Amino acid sequence: MPQRTHEWHLRSVTGIFHRRNHHGVKFMGLTLGIPKESAAGEKRVAVTPSSIKRLKRLGLNILVESGAGSAAAIPDSAYTAEGAEITDSSKVWQAEIVSKVQSPTEAEVNHLRRGSLLISLLQPSVGGEAATGSYLPQGPTQQLAAAQIDAIALELIPRTSRAQSMDVLSSQAGIAGYRAVIEAAHHYPRFFPMMMTSAGMAKPAKVIVLGAGVAGLQAIATARKMGAQVEAYDVRPEVKEQILSLGAKFIDLALAESGAGQGGYAKELSEEGQRRQQQLLTEKLKTADIIVSTANVPGRKAPTLVTEEAVRGLRPGSVIVDMAAASGGNCPLTEADQVISKFGVTIIGLTNYPSLVPYDASQFFSGNITHLLGILIKDEKIHWDFADDILAAACVAYKGESKQSKEPKESKNARESKKSGSEKSV
């Protein structure tokens, strides 16, 4: 008997795909669409072949846009080998669930089907507040809600131990911290480690890392492994032990206030605190060969830590990697997505370090998405349980309503995580 090709039928009311294989057996399940990223310079893909089998066990049929993984060195054949279907963009955007890395454009939102779910980085307003006072551009939450599209903003996954496997910001920040140091080494005209040869000796580079969240701690670890002398500073005094554990020295400015905020994040210092911080840091920074600055306050302009005076005080050939360039920069001389030279100092303002390590960054991102779908998909259906602290915090649009203007209620899981001290710094 000749083998029959797969037949797909779309039920107009429910949007559930039905499939019959060559044995005539009927399958049902949700479709997960993975489009190719359209943002300039973005090489990552939201889901990789390593996650396909687990996603299929949830009852998902995976549709991948042709070439979606090519920039991350993942060919279409790797997806089909795991059971995904390679198709064109129109079919991918019409899936019940669409997952991507960067926030969609207005045109891409218009391609989504009514009643579908989008899972992506979405640049929502922070802390349940409206955009007032927010520095970063706001995402398409209102447009998604108006189009009756449900949406999960991956930035809002809470910083709890239970949500750690879904925490995209942390997984990507670690990659960024590693790659930032590699970038610094590329532009630095001297060695990182101490080198002793018959021709002479080179002293180790002195690296100062500002901010000891996930990116900062990984930057410390990477610089240490490369043989540099490392010192680090953070406004949150509780991270001192983490800095010391990596073999770096902690810079204690003895400020009169703490910069520890909710959920492990940093918070803005008072005006007097910021002035004193800049004053004390400036002289210290002049002793560095390389500065890696990672200080960010969610939704706000990045604090100024590396002043023009500090830059002028650095010796020629020094390097500043400003990882806060996307939110205004920790150095006022930084230019977003540019590498410039000022006063003989190279200032690197790249804004997407994970995309410079696209294969592994995509693997980590895909793992985060897969774990998130694991709590969202029940019996091959999307199951919204807003008693779950993860879903309550991350959902920004639901059934035509924008939820980002509302502060999500703290669930029992979140309260227990705080009591146990399981929240982590980012």
Protein backbone atom coordinates (compact mmCIF):
# COMPACT_ATOMS: atom_id res chain seq x y z
CA MET A 1 0.00 0.00 0.00
CA PRO A 2 1.54 3.36 -0.97
CA GLN A 3 2.58 5.59 1.91
CA ARG A 4 0.24 8.55 2.46
CA THR A 5 1.63 11.99 3.18
CA HIS A 6 0.71 13.83 6.38
CA GLU A 7 -2.59 15.69 6.14
CA TRP A 8 -3.19 18.83 8.19
CA HIS A 9 -6.60 20.30 8.86
CA LEU A 10 -7.34 23.49 10.79
CA ARG A 11 -10.51 23.67 12.82
CA SER A 12 -11.61 27.28 12.44
CA VAL A 13 -13.20 27.59 15.87
CA THR A 14 -10.58 26.06 18.15
CA GLY A 15 -7.52 26.49 15.96
CA ILE A 16 -6.35 22.95 16.89
CA PHE A 17 -4.37 21.13 14.25
CA HIS A 18 -5.37 17.56 13.42
CA ARG A 19 -2.86 15.26 11.72
CA ARG A 20 -3.12 11.78 10.24
CA ASN A 21 0.06 9.85 9.60
CA HIS A 22 0.49 7.19 6.92
CA HIS A 23 -1.22 4.64 9.22
CA GLY A 24 -4.32 6.83 9.43
CA VAL A 25 -3.82 7.50 13.15
CA LYS A 26 -5.19 10.91 14.18
CA PHE A 27 -3.16 13.28 16.40
CA MET A 28 -4.18 16.50 18.09
CA GLY A 29 -2.06 19.17 19.69
CA LEU A 30 -1.09 22.79 19.92
CA THR A 31 1.36 24.28 17.45
CA LEU A 32 4.48 26.16 18.55
CA GLY A 33 5.89 28.52 15.95
CA ILE A 34 9.55 29.59 15.93
CA PRO A 35 10.15 32.52 13.57
CA LYS A 36 13.46 33.81 12.31
CA GLU A 37 14.60 36.86 14.27
CA SER A 38 14.29 40.12 12.35
CA ALA A 39 16.14 42.54 14.69
CA ALA A 40 19.42 43.84 13.30
CA GLY A 41 22.38 41.82 14.56
CA GLU A 42 20.25 39.23 16.36
CA LYS A 43 21.68 35.76 15.67
CA ARG A 44 19.87 33.75 18.33
CA VAL A 45 16.83 31.53 17.87
CA ALA A 46 14.21 30.95 20.58
CA VAL A 47 14.07 27.15 20.40
CA THR A 48 16.83 24.75 19.37
CA PRO A 49 16.66 21.11 18.22
CA SER A 50 17.81 19.88 21.65
CA SER A 51 14.43 20.93 23.11
CA ILE A 52 12.18 19.50 20.39
CA LYS A 53 11.62 16.04 21.88
CA ARG A 54 10.69 17.43 25.28
CA LEU A 55 8.32 19.94 23.70
CA LYS A 56 6.69 17.21 21.64
CA ARG A 57 6.11 15.23 24.85
CA LEU A 58 4.01 18.19 25.99
CA GLY A 59 1.85 17.63 22.93
CA LEU A 60 3.26 20.47 20.87
CA ASN A 61 3.77 20.34 17.11
CA ILE A 62 6.81 22.45 16.26
CA LEU A 63 6.85 24.74 13.23
CA VAL A 64 10.20 26.41 12.49
CA GLU A 65 10.70 29.10 9.89
CA SER A 66 13.27 28.07 7.30
CA GLY A 67 16.67 29.50 8.24
CA ALA A 68 15.61 30.48 11.78
CA GLY A 69 18.69 28.88 13.31
CA SER A 70 21.20 29.43 10.53
CA ALA A 71 22.85 32.48 12.14
CA ALA A 72 23.41 30.37 15.26
CA ALA A 73 25.01 27.55 13.23
CA ILE A 74 21.86 25.42 13.51
CA PRO A 75 20.73 24.14 10.08
CA ASP A 76 17.13 23.28 9.18
CA SER A 77 18.12 19.62 8.95
CA ALA A 78 18.90 19.58 12.68
CA TYR A 79 15.29 20.54 13.41
CA THR A 80 13.73 18.02 11.03
CA ALA A 81 15.92 15.27 12.48
CA GLU A 82 14.21 15.86 15.84
CA GLY A 83 10.70 15.92 14.41
CA ALA A 84 10.06 19.63 13.81
CA GLU A 85 8.55 20.89 10.57
CA ILE A 86 10.38 23.52 8.52
CA THR A 87 7.94 25.91 6.90
CA ASP A 88 7.49 29.51 5.76
CA SER A 89 6.97 32.51 8.01
CA SER A 90 3.22 32.82 7.35
CA LYS A 91 2.51 29.40 8.88
CA VAL A 92 4.86 30.02 11.81
CA TRP A 93 3.15 33.29 12.78
CA GLN A 94 -0.26 31.60 12.66
CA ALA A 95 0.65 29.01 15.32
CA GLU A 96 -1.29 28.92 18.61
CA ILE A 97 1.94 29.70 20.46
CA VAL A 98 4.79 31.75 19.00
CA SER A 99 8.11 32.09 20.78
CA LYS A 100 10.91 34.43 19.77
CA VAL A 101 13.88 36.19 21.31
CA GLN A 102 13.44 39.90 20.61
CA SER A 103 10.25 41.90 20.97
CA PRO A 104 8.17 41.71 17.76
CA THR A 105 7.76 44.62 15.40
CA GLU A 106 4.35 46.15 14.79
CA ALA A 107 4.16 44.28 11.49
CA GLU A 108 5.01 40.99 13.19
CA VAL A 109 2.28 41.52 15.79
CA ASN A 110 -0.17 41.96 12.92
CA HIS A 111 0.84 38.53 11.60
CA LEU A 112 -0.14 36.80 14.87
CA ARG A 113 -3.51 35.09 14.97
CA ARG A 114 -6.25 36.31 17.28
CA GLY A 115 -6.30 34.33 20.54
CA SER A 116 -2.72 33.08 20.21
CA LEU A 117 0.05 33.33 22.80
CA LEU A 118 3.35 35.14 22.32
CA ILE A 119 6.34 34.32 24.54
CA SER A 120 9.24 36.74 24.09
CA LEU A 121 11.31 39.53 25.51
CA LEU A 122 8.79 42.39 25.36
CA GLN A 123 10.33 45.45 27.08
CA PRO A 124 7.39 45.87 29.49
CA SER A 125 7.18 48.64 32.01
CA VAL A 126 8.85 47.61 35.25
CA GLY A 127 7.32 46.90 38.63
CA GLY A 128 3.74 47.19 37.46
CA GLU A 129 4.15 50.93 36.84
CA ALA A 130 3.23 52.80 33.71
CA ALA A 131 5.96 54.07 31.44
CA THR A 132 6.30 57.30 33.43
CA GLY A 133 9.93 57.70 34.43
CA SER A 134 11.01 54.65 32.46
CA TYR A 135 14.13 55.14 30.35
CA LEU A 136 13.87 52.19 28.00
CA PRO A 137 11.43 52.14 25.07
CA GLN A 138 8.21 50.31 25.87
CA GLY A 139 7.24 47.10 24.13
CA PRO A 140 4.09 46.20 22.19
CA THR A 141 1.97 45.11 25.16
CA GLN A 142 -0.91 47.46 24.39
CA GLN A 143 -0.92 46.45 20.73
CA LEU A 144 -0.93 42.77 21.67
CA ALA A 145 -3.83 43.21 24.08
CA ALA A 146 -5.82 45.17 21.50
CA ALA A 147 -5.29 42.35 19.01
CA GLN A 148 -6.59 39.77 21.54
CA ILE A 149 -3.18 38.12 21.77
CA ASP A 150 -2.01 36.75 25.12
CA ALA A 151 1.60 37.53 25.97
CA ILE A 152 4.33 36.51 28.40
CA ALA A 153 7.23 38.93 28.91
CA LEU A 154 10.30 36.89 29.72
CA GLU A 155 11.90 39.87 31.52
CA LEU A 156 9.28 39.52 34.26
CA ILE A 157 10.01 35.93 35.25
CA PRO A 158 10.50 36.28 39.04
CA ARG A 159 13.91 35.77 40.63
CA THR A 160 13.02 32.73 42.73
CA SER A 161 14.66 29.33 42.97
CA ARG A 162 11.60 27.68 41.40
CA ALA A 163 11.78 29.99 38.37
CA GLN A 164 15.53 29.73 37.93
CA SER A 165 15.30 27.26 35.04
CA MET A 166 13.01 29.71 33.18
CA ASP A 167 15.01 32.87 33.91
CA VAL A 168 16.07 34.15 30.50
CA LEU A 169 17.67 37.32 31.86
CA SER A 170 20.04 35.35 34.07
CA SER A 171 20.95 32.72 31.48
CA GLN A 172 21.74 35.37 28.90
CA ALA A 173 23.47 37.71 31.37
CA GLY A 174 26.01 35.02 32.23
CA ILE A 175 26.87 34.65 28.55
CA ALA A 176 27.09 38.44 28.21
CA GLY A 177 29.52 38.73 31.12
CA TYR A 178 31.79 36.11 29.58
CA ARG A 179 31.69 37.65 26.11
CA ALA A 180 32.27 41.18 27.43
CA VAL A 181 35.64 40.15 28.85
CA ILE A 182 36.56 38.44 25.57
CA GLU A 183 35.70 41.69 23.80
CA ALA A 184 37.88 43.65 26.21
CA ALA A 185 40.82 41.30 25.61
CA HIS A 186 40.38 41.71 21.87
CA HIS A 187 40.75 45.50 22.08
CA TYR A 188 43.33 45.62 24.88
CA PRO A 189 46.85 46.06 23.41
CA ARG A 190 48.55 44.11 26.19
CA PHE A 191 48.41 40.68 27.81
CA PHE A 192 45.80 39.70 30.38
CA PRO A 193 48.07 37.33 32.39
CA MET A 194 51.56 37.94 33.65
CA MET A 195 54.02 36.76 31.00
CA MET A 196 57.67 35.97 31.69
CA THR A 197 60.00 35.20 28.82
CA SER A 198 63.69 35.52 28.06
CA ALA A 199 62.80 38.70 26.19
CA GLY A 200 61.17 40.35 29.20
CA MET A 201 58.16 40.36 31.49
CA ALA A 202 54.61 41.69 31.12
CA LYS A 203 52.54 42.52 34.20
CA PRO A 204 48.99 41.14 34.50
CA ALA A 205 46.13 43.41 33.50
CA LYS A 206 44.16 45.05 36.28
CA VAL A 207 40.42 44.61 35.70
CA ILE A 208 37.71 46.39 37.67
CA VAL A 209 34.16 45.05 37.36
CA LEU A 210 31.31 47.35 38.35
CA GLY A 211 28.18 45.46 39.36
CA ALA A 212 28.19 41.92 40.71
CA GLY A 213 25.00 40.47 39.33
CA VAL A 214 25.03 37.46 37.02
CA ALA A 215 26.89 39.30 34.25
CA GLY A 216 29.37 40.88 36.63
CA LEU A 217 30.16 37.66 38.46
CA GLN A 218 30.74 35.84 35.18
CA ALA A 219 32.97 38.70 34.02
CA ILE A 220 34.98 38.36 37.22
CA ALA A 221 35.34 34.60 36.77
CA THR A 222 36.36 34.92 33.12
CA ALA A 223 38.92 37.67 33.76
CA ARG A 224 40.42 35.66 36.61
CA LYS A 225 40.71 32.56 34.43
CA MET A 226 42.51 34.66 31.84
CA GLY A 227 45.09 35.65 34.43
CA ALA A 228 44.06 39.21 35.25
CA GLN A 229 44.06 40.85 38.66
CA VAL A 230 40.42 41.60 39.40
CA GLU A 231 38.61 43.96 41.75
CA ALA A 232 34.87 44.48 41.84
CA TYR A 233 32.32 46.90 43.25
CA ASP A 234 28.58 46.68 43.88
CA VAL A 235 26.15 48.91 45.76
CA ARG A 236 24.69 45.79 47.40
CA PRO A 237 27.01 44.88 50.28
CA GLU A 238 25.60 41.35 50.50
CA VAL A 239 27.39 40.34 47.27
CA LYS A 240 30.82 40.85 48.82
CA GLU A 241 31.19 37.15 49.67
CA GLN A 242 30.36 36.13 46.09
CA ILE A 243 33.05 38.47 44.76
CA LEU A 244 35.64 37.17 47.21
CA SER A 245 34.73 33.55 46.43
CA LEU A 246 35.77 34.11 42.81
CA GLY A 247 39.20 35.33 43.84
CA ALA A 248 38.57 39.03 43.27
CA LYS A 249 38.99 41.89 45.74
CA PHE A 250 35.91 43.77 46.91
CA ILE A 251 35.95 47.55 46.56
CA ASP A 252 34.30 48.99 49.66
CA LEU A 253 33.34 52.62 49.24
CA ALA A 254 31.74 52.84 52.69
CA LEU A 255 28.60 54.57 51.45
CA ALA A 256 26.06 55.55 54.05
CA GLU A 257 23.26 53.69 52.24
CA SER A 258 22.64 50.34 50.57
CA GLY A 259 21.67 49.90 46.94
CA ALA A 260 19.92 46.58 47.52
CA GLY A 261 16.43 46.52 45.98
CA GLN A 262 13.61 43.99 45.77
CA GLY A 263 14.10 40.60 44.18
CA GLY A 264 17.89 40.81 44.27
CA TYR A 265 17.98 43.83 41.96
CA ALA A 266 19.88 47.01 42.63
CA LYS A 267 17.94 50.20 43.31
CA GLU A 268 18.78 53.82 42.67
CA LEU A 269 20.82 55.57 45.32
CA SER A 270 19.79 58.99 46.57
CA GLU A 271 21.26 62.00 44.79
CA GLU A 272 23.78 62.46 47.59
CA GLY A 273 24.62 58.74 47.46
CA GLN A 274 25.20 58.89 43.72
CA ARG A 275 27.42 61.97 44.05
CA ARG A 276 29.55 60.35 46.75
CA GLN A 277 29.71 57.08 44.79
CA GLN A 278 31.01 58.85 41.68
CA GLN A 279 33.55 60.81 43.69
CA LEU A 280 34.99 57.77 45.46
CA LEU A 281 34.93 55.54 42.38
CA THR A 282 36.61 58.02 40.07
CA GLU A 283 40.00 57.87 41.77
CA LYS A 284 39.83 54.09 42.09
CA LEU A 285 38.95 53.58 38.42
CA LYS A 286 41.99 55.56 37.27
CA THR A 287 44.14 52.63 38.45
CA ALA A 288 42.46 50.12 36.11
CA ASP A 289 43.59 48.82 32.73
CA ILE A 290 40.15 47.43 31.89
CA ILE A 291 36.75 48.40 33.30
CA VAL A 292 33.74 46.16 32.76
CA SER A 293 30.62 48.01 33.86
CA THR A 294 27.34 46.12 34.29
CA ALA A 295 25.30 48.36 36.60
CA ASN A 296 21.64 48.63 35.64
CA VAL A 297 18.46 49.65 37.45
CA PRO A 298 15.43 47.98 35.79
CA GLY A 299 13.46 50.41 33.64
CA ARG A 300 15.65 53.39 34.53
CA LYS A 301 18.58 55.15 32.97
CA ALA A 302 21.79 53.40 34.00
CA PRO A 303 23.70 55.17 36.79
CA THR A 304 26.84 57.09 35.86
CA LEU A 305 29.79 55.30 37.44
CA VAL A 306 32.63 55.95 35.01
CA THR A 307 32.89 59.73 34.73
CA GLU A 308 34.71 61.65 32.01
CA GLU A 309 37.29 62.56 34.63
CA ALA A 310 37.90 58.85 35.27
CA VAL A 311 38.30 58.19 31.54
CA ARG A 312 40.80 61.03 31.21
CA GLY A 313 42.77 59.51 34.10
CA LEU A 314 43.18 56.08 32.49
CA ARG A 315 46.43 55.31 30.72
CA PRO A 316 46.42 55.07 26.91
CA GLY A 317 45.30 51.68 25.64
CA SER A 318 42.88 51.08 28.49
CA VAL A 319 39.48 49.60 27.68
CA ILE A 320 35.99 50.27 29.04
CA VAL A 321 33.25 47.75 28.31
CA ASP A 322 29.97 49.48 29.11
CA MET A 323 27.38 46.71 29.34
CA ALA A 324 24.71 49.23 30.28
CA ALA A 325 24.95 50.98 26.90
CA ALA A 326 21.37 50.03 25.96
CA SER A 327 20.00 51.98 28.93
CA GLY A 328 22.13 55.09 28.61
CA GLY A 329 25.46 53.71 29.74
CA ASN A 330 27.46 53.80 32.96
CA CYS A 331 29.84 56.15 31.17
CA PRO A 332 28.49 59.38 29.63
CA LEU A 333 30.90 58.99 26.69
CA THR A 334 29.50 55.60 25.64
CA GLU A 335 27.75 55.35 22.29
CA ALA A 336 25.29 52.47 21.95
CA ASP A 337 26.39 49.76 19.50
CA GLN A 338 29.64 51.58 18.77
CA VAL A 339 33.30 51.06 19.65
CA ILE A 340 34.95 54.47 20.01
CA SER A 341 38.18 55.96 21.28
CA LYS A 342 38.25 58.91 23.71
CA PHE A 343 41.42 60.29 25.28
CA GLY A 344 43.31 57.18 24.12
CA VAL A 345 40.78 54.85 25.81
CA THR A 346 38.64 52.37 23.89
CA ILE A 347 34.99 52.49 24.96
CA ILE A 348 32.86 49.54 23.86
CA GLY A 349 29.09 50.14 23.78
CA LEU A 350 27.78 46.89 22.29
CA THR A 351 24.23 46.08 23.40
CA ASN A 352 23.73 42.41 22.54
CA TYR A 353 26.59 40.28 23.83
CA PRO A 354 24.63 36.98 23.90
CA SER A 355 24.14 37.28 20.14
CA LEU A 356 27.93 37.15 19.80
CA VAL A 357 27.79 33.60 21.23
CA PRO A 358 24.62 32.62 19.35
CA TYR A 359 24.79 28.83 19.51
CA ASP A 360 25.12 28.44 23.26
CA ALA A 361 22.98 31.50 23.97
CA SER A 362 20.19 29.92 21.90
CA GLN A 363 20.59 26.61 23.71
CA PHE A 364 20.18 28.31 27.09
CA PHE A 365 17.26 30.43 25.85
CA SER A 366 15.57 27.33 24.46
CA GLY A 367 15.96 25.54 27.79
CA ASN A 368 14.31 28.46 29.56
CA ILE A 369 11.37 28.44 27.12
CA THR A 370 10.95 24.69 27.43
CA HIS A 371 10.78 24.81 31.23
CA LEU A 372 8.28 27.67 31.08
CA LEU A 373 6.03 25.77 28.68
CA GLY A 374 6.27 22.83 31.05
CA ILE A 375 4.21 24.70 33.66
CA LEU A 376 1.91 26.33 31.11
CA ILE A 377 0.86 23.33 29.00
CA LYS A 378 -1.39 20.77 30.69
CA ASP A 379 -3.09 17.94 28.80
CA GLU A 380 -2.01 19.48 25.49
CA LYS A 381 -3.79 22.76 26.31
CA ILE A 382 -2.66 26.17 27.56
CA HIS A 383 -3.56 26.26 31.24
CA TRP A 384 -3.49 29.73 32.81
CA ASP A 385 -3.12 29.46 36.58
CA PHE A 386 -2.68 32.95 37.94
CA ALA A 387 -2.19 31.56 41.43
CA ASP A 388 1.21 30.53 40.08
CA ASP A 389 3.65 33.35 40.90
CA ILE A 390 5.59 32.82 37.66
CA LEU A 391 2.62 33.12 35.33
CA ALA A 392 1.06 35.93 37.37
CA ALA A 393 4.25 37.98 37.20
CA ALA A 394 5.15 37.36 33.55
CA CYS A 395 1.78 37.61 31.81
CA VAL A 396 1.40 41.14 30.39
CA ALA A 397 -1.61 40.61 28.11
CA TYR A 398 -4.56 38.25 28.57
CA LYS A 399 -7.91 38.06 26.79
CA GLY A 400 -7.66 41.58 25.42
CA GLU A 401 -6.52 43.20 28.65
CA SER A 402 -3.10 44.69 29.28
CA LYS A 403 -1.90 43.38 32.62
CA GLN A 404 1.40 45.23 32.91
CA SER A 405 -0.22 48.22 34.61
CA LYS A 406 -1.27 46.02 37.48
CA GLU A 407 1.04 44.89 40.23
CA PRO A 408 0.72 41.08 40.36
CA LYS A 409 -0.26 39.71 43.71
CA GLU A 410 2.47 37.92 45.55
CA SER A 411 1.69 34.24 45.71
CA LYS A 412 2.40 31.79 48.44
CA ASN A 413 5.33 30.35 46.43
CA ALA A 414 6.94 33.77 46.12
CA ARG A 415 6.53 34.53 49.81
CA GLU A 416 8.04 31.20 50.76
CA SER A 417 10.98 31.78 48.41
CA LYS A 418 11.69 35.12 50.06
CA LYS A 419 11.49 33.62 53.53
CA SER A 420 13.98 30.92 52.56
CA GLY A 421 16.33 33.50 51.06
CA SER A 422 16.25 31.79 47.68
CA GLU A 423 15.98 34.92 45.54
CA LYS A 424 19.12 35.68 43.58
CA SER A 425 20.94 38.71 42.28
CA VAL A 426 20.84 39.61 38.62
